[in-house]
């Protein structure tokens, strides 16, 4: 099934380039692995290399690259790992950038948070915004 017909809701609210990245990778992964979870994971991994989730949509990152430690792994090591991902938050971004994203999402207590706490708080804020947008 062409990916355009099954775009996740967060991508429907995102720039065309993010939609294209996810769709092209998903379609290629479907050809390689078949339809299913692995194709979706592959498409999101590709998306997270150039985009970060902010609220209920994806925005282009300032600098391309893996978004967290899990994304930096490759191949079968990444698939076998049970490590938690940052869920689209660019955990490798500077603390200043994460603070600015937290500010845009109105995360309470952000000024006293560590970088890891900001990543977690942004992830939770993203989930809340996405849930609200879906309802």
Protein backbone atom coordinates (compact mmCIF):
# COMPACT_ATOMS: atom_id res chain seq x y z
CA UNK A 1 0.00 0.00 0.00
CA UNK A 2 1.45 3.38 -0.91
CA UNK A 3 2.46 5.21 2.24
CA UNK A 4 0.58 8.39 1.30
CA UNK A 5 -2.68 6.57 2.03
CA UNK A 6 -1.62 5.70 5.58
CA UNK A 7 0.33 8.73 6.75
CA UNK A 8 0.35 8.98 10.54
CA UNK A 9 -1.67 11.95 11.79
CA UNK A 10 1.42 13.78 13.04
CA UNK A 11 2.82 13.69 9.52
CA UNK A 12 -0.41 14.97 8.01
CA UNK A 13 0.21 18.15 10.04
CA UNK A 14 3.88 18.33 9.00
CA UNK A 15 5.76 19.87 6.06
CA UNK A 16 5.63 18.11 2.69
CA UNK A 17 9.34 17.26 2.94
CA UNK A 18 8.69 15.29 6.16
CA UNK A 19 5.77 13.51 4.49
CA UNK A 20 7.92 12.69 1.46
CA UNK A 21 10.77 11.38 3.62
CA UNK A 22 8.47 9.07 5.57
CA UNK A 23 6.48 7.94 2.52
CA UNK A 24 9.46 7.15 0.31
CA UNK A 25 11.25 5.26 3.07
CA UNK A 26 8.09 3.39 4.03
CA UNK A 27 7.38 2.31 0.47
CA UNK A 28 10.97 1.14 0.03
CA UNK A 29 10.86 -0.73 3.36
CA UNK A 30 7.60 -2.43 2.36
CA UNK A 31 9.31 -3.70 -0.80
CA UNK A 32 12.24 -4.97 1.28
CA UNK A 33 10.52 -6.30 4.43
CA UNK A 34 6.81 -6.43 3.63
CA UNK A 35 4.00 -4.39 5.11
CA UNK A 36 3.98 -4.07 8.87
CA UNK A 37 5.72 -2.78 11.94
CA UNK A 38 9.25 -3.08 10.55
CA UNK A 39 8.40 -0.87 7.57
CA UNK A 40 6.88 1.73 9.89
CA UNK A 41 9.88 1.65 12.25
CA UNK A 42 12.25 2.05 9.30
CA UNK A 43 10.27 5.03 7.97
CA UNK A 44 10.25 6.74 11.37
CA UNK A 45 13.98 6.09 11.82
CA UNK A 46 14.63 7.83 8.50
CA UNK A 47 12.31 10.70 9.41
CA UNK A 48 14.01 11.24 12.79
CA UNK A 49 17.35 11.70 11.05
CA UNK A 50 16.20 15.00 9.53
CA UNK A 51 13.12 15.96 11.58
CA UNK A 52 12.12 16.24 15.22
CA UNK A 53 8.68 15.99 16.74
CA UNK A 54 7.45 19.26 18.21
CA UNK A 55 3.99 19.08 19.68
CA UNK A 56 1.63 17.39 17.24
CA UNK A 57 3.84 17.62 14.11
CA UNK A 58 7.38 17.20 12.77
CA UNK A 59 9.81 20.06 12.08
CA UNK A 60 13.10 20.02 10.21
CA UNK A 61 16.13 19.76 12.50
CA UNK A 62 18.90 22.34 12.37
CA UNK A 63 21.45 19.58 11.89
CA UNK A 64 20.87 16.15 10.36
CA UNK A 65 21.85 13.10 12.35
CA UNK A 66 20.59 10.51 14.80
CA UNK A 67 18.07 11.84 17.29
CA UNK A 68 19.17 9.71 20.26
CA UNK A 69 21.53 6.91 21.32
CA UNK A 70 19.18 4.24 19.99
CA UNK A 71 18.99 5.92 16.58
CA UNK A 72 22.79 6.01 16.39
CA UNK A 73 22.89 2.20 16.43
CA UNK A 74 22.68 0.46 13.10
CA UNK A 75 21.45 -2.79 11.62
CA UNK A 76 20.53 -5.80 13.70
CA UNK A 77 21.96 -4.27 16.91
CA UNK A 78 19.33 -1.54 16.72
CA UNK A 79 16.52 -4.02 16.03
CA UNK A 80 17.52 -6.31 18.90
CA UNK A 81 17.91 -3.53 21.41
CA UNK A 82 15.23 -2.87 24.00
CA UNK A 83 16.63 0.59 24.73
CA UNK A 84 14.13 3.40 25.03
CA UNK A 85 14.08 5.99 22.25
CA UNK A 86 13.38 9.69 22.67
CA UNK A 87 10.19 9.33 20.60
CA UNK A 88 11.07 11.94 18.01
CA UNK A 89 12.62 14.43 20.41
CA UNK A 90 16.10 15.40 19.21
CA UNK A 91 17.94 14.27 22.35
CA UNK A 92 21.26 15.08 20.68
CA UNK A 93 20.33 18.75 20.28
CA UNK A 94 21.83 21.37 22.57
CA UNK A 95 20.25 22.08 25.93
CA UNK A 96 19.49 25.58 24.65
CA UNK A 97 17.53 24.16 21.70
CA UNK A 98 15.65 21.74 23.96
CA UNK A 99 14.84 24.59 26.33
CA UNK A 100 13.47 26.65 23.43
CA UNK A 101 11.29 23.73 22.28
CA UNK A 102 10.07 23.25 25.87
CA UNK A 103 9.28 26.94 26.02
CA UNK A 104 7.22 26.73 22.80
CA UNK A 105 5.35 23.76 24.27
CA UNK A 106 4.84 25.63 27.57
CA UNK A 107 6.53 22.90 29.64
CA UNK A 108 6.32 23.93 33.31
CA UNK A 109 9.55 23.95 35.34
CA UNK A 110 11.75 23.90 32.24
CA UNK A 111 14.22 26.48 33.56
CA UNK A 112 15.47 24.15 36.29
CA UNK A 113 15.53 20.94 34.23
CA UNK A 114 18.57 19.01 33.11
CA UNK A 115 18.97 18.10 29.46
CA UNK A 116 17.60 14.57 30.07
CA UNK A 117 14.64 15.99 31.98
CA UNK A 118 13.91 18.39 29.12
CA UNK A 119 13.93 15.48 26.64
CA UNK A 120 11.45 13.54 28.79
CA UNK A 121 9.23 16.58 29.41
CA UNK A 122 9.16 17.47 25.70
CA UNK A 123 8.24 13.88 24.86
CA UNK A 124 5.32 14.00 27.30
CA UNK A 125 4.20 17.39 25.97
CA UNK A 126 4.39 16.03 22.42
CA UNK A 127 2.20 13.07 23.39
CA UNK A 128 -0.37 15.37 25.00
CA UNK A 129 -0.48 17.67 21.96
CA UNK A 130 -0.81 14.73 19.58
CA UNK A 131 -3.62 13.17 21.63
CA UNK A 132 -5.43 16.52 21.74
CA UNK A 133 -5.05 16.97 17.96
CA UNK A 134 -6.47 13.50 17.31
CA UNK A 135 -9.61 14.11 19.40
